[in-house]
Amino acid sequence: MRGENSQCIRKKCRAFGLSLEKICWGTDYPGFEMPESLLAKMKNVNNHADGLGIMPVSDKHMEGILGGNYLNFIKRTGQVD
């Protein structure tokens, strides 16, 4: 995943009135790449932000996107304690 995807995510979130706290990372696996390599690309997105002149995703938001947001969601729905 390249840095411009970070900007694309932000634009789409704004268009739909969503905050990054409502976004969850996922894959369409099985596909052409293993989830581990896709995860590494997602984690690498901020390495491209400066070069593209876009705002990086904060550590807090990245942690949420990579699992924390989903965990909060399933906690609120009573699926886990």
Protein backbone atom coordinates (compact mmCIF):
# COMPACT_ATOMS: atom_id res chain seq x y z
CA MET A 1 0.00 0.00 0.00
CA ARG A 2 1.37 3.38 -0.90
CA GLY A 3 1.01 6.63 1.01
CA GLU A 4 -1.59 8.09 -1.32
CA ASN A 5 -3.97 5.42 -0.04
CA SER A 6 -3.73 7.10 3.36
CA GLN A 7 -4.96 10.35 1.81
CA CYS A 8 -7.67 8.48 -0.12
CA ILE A 9 -8.89 6.87 3.11
CA ARG A 10 -9.07 10.28 4.80
CA LYS A 11 -11.00 11.83 1.91
CA LYS A 12 -13.51 8.99 1.83
CA CYS A 13 -13.95 9.14 5.59
CA ARG A 14 -14.67 12.86 5.43
CA ALA A 15 -17.10 12.38 2.53
CA PHE A 16 -19.12 9.88 4.57
CA GLY A 17 -18.74 11.71 7.89
CA LEU A 18 -16.61 8.95 9.43
CA SER A 19 -13.73 9.32 11.83
CA LEU A 20 -10.69 7.05 11.68
CA GLU A 21 -12.01 5.46 14.89
CA LYS A 22 -14.67 3.75 12.75
CA ILE A 23 -12.30 2.24 10.17
CA CYS A 24 -11.08 -1.38 10.34
CA TRP A 25 -8.35 -2.92 8.21
CA GLY A 26 -9.17 -6.13 6.42
CA THR A 27 -8.28 -8.11 3.34
CA ASP A 28 -10.13 -9.99 0.65
CA TYR A 29 -7.90 -13.01 1.28
CA PRO A 30 -7.68 -15.50 -0.37
CA GLY A 31 -6.19 -13.44 -3.09
CA PHE A 32 -2.87 -12.72 -4.69
CA GLU A 33 -1.03 -11.85 -1.47
CA MET A 34 -0.92 -13.34 1.99
CA PRO A 35 -2.42 -11.27 4.81
CA GLU A 36 1.01 -10.90 6.43
CA SER A 37 2.46 -9.07 3.41
CA LEU A 38 -0.64 -6.87 3.13
CA LEU A 39 -0.38 -6.00 6.83
CA ALA A 40 3.26 -5.00 6.35
CA LYS A 41 2.20 -2.67 3.53
CA MET A 42 -0.50 -1.08 5.70
CA LYS A 43 2.01 -0.50 8.48
CA ASN A 44 4.37 1.06 5.91
CA VAL A 45 1.89 3.67 4.68
CA ASN A 46 3.33 6.48 6.84
CA ASN A 47 6.81 6.00 5.36
CA HIS A 48 5.45 7.56 2.17
CA ALA A 49 3.46 10.41 3.73
CA ASP A 50 6.19 13.07 3.82
CA GLY A 51 7.28 12.42 0.26
CA LEU A 52 3.71 12.79 -0.95
CA GLY A 53 2.97 15.84 1.19
CA ILE A 54 0.17 14.18 3.12
CA MET A 55 -0.55 13.89 6.81
CA PRO A 56 0.52 10.53 8.30
CA VAL A 57 -1.91 8.35 10.23
CA SER A 58 -1.19 8.73 13.95
CA ASP A 59 0.01 5.73 15.97
CA LYS A 60 -3.27 5.81 17.90
CA HIS A 61 -5.36 5.71 14.73
CA MET A 62 -3.14 3.06 13.13
CA GLU A 63 -3.54 0.82 16.19
CA GLY A 64 -7.28 1.30 15.94
CA ILE A 65 -7.44 0.58 12.22
CA LEU A 66 -5.32 -2.56 12.66
CA GLY A 67 -7.61 -4.11 15.28
CA GLY A 68 -8.49 -1.81 18.15
CA ASN A 69 -11.53 -0.30 16.42
CA TYR A 70 -12.96 -3.74 15.67
CA LEU A 71 -12.33 -4.89 19.23
CA ASN A 72 -14.17 -1.81 20.56
CA PHE A 73 -17.05 -2.53 18.20
CA ILE A 74 -17.49 -6.14 19.25
CA LYS A 75 -17.22 -5.15 22.91
CA ARG A 76 -20.07 -2.66 22.45
CA THR A 77 -22.22 -5.28 20.74
CA GLY A 78 -21.69 -7.71 23.61
CA GLN A 79 -19.83 -10.28 21.51
CA VAL A 80 -16.84 -10.26 23.90
CA ASP A 81 -16.27 -9.10 27.47
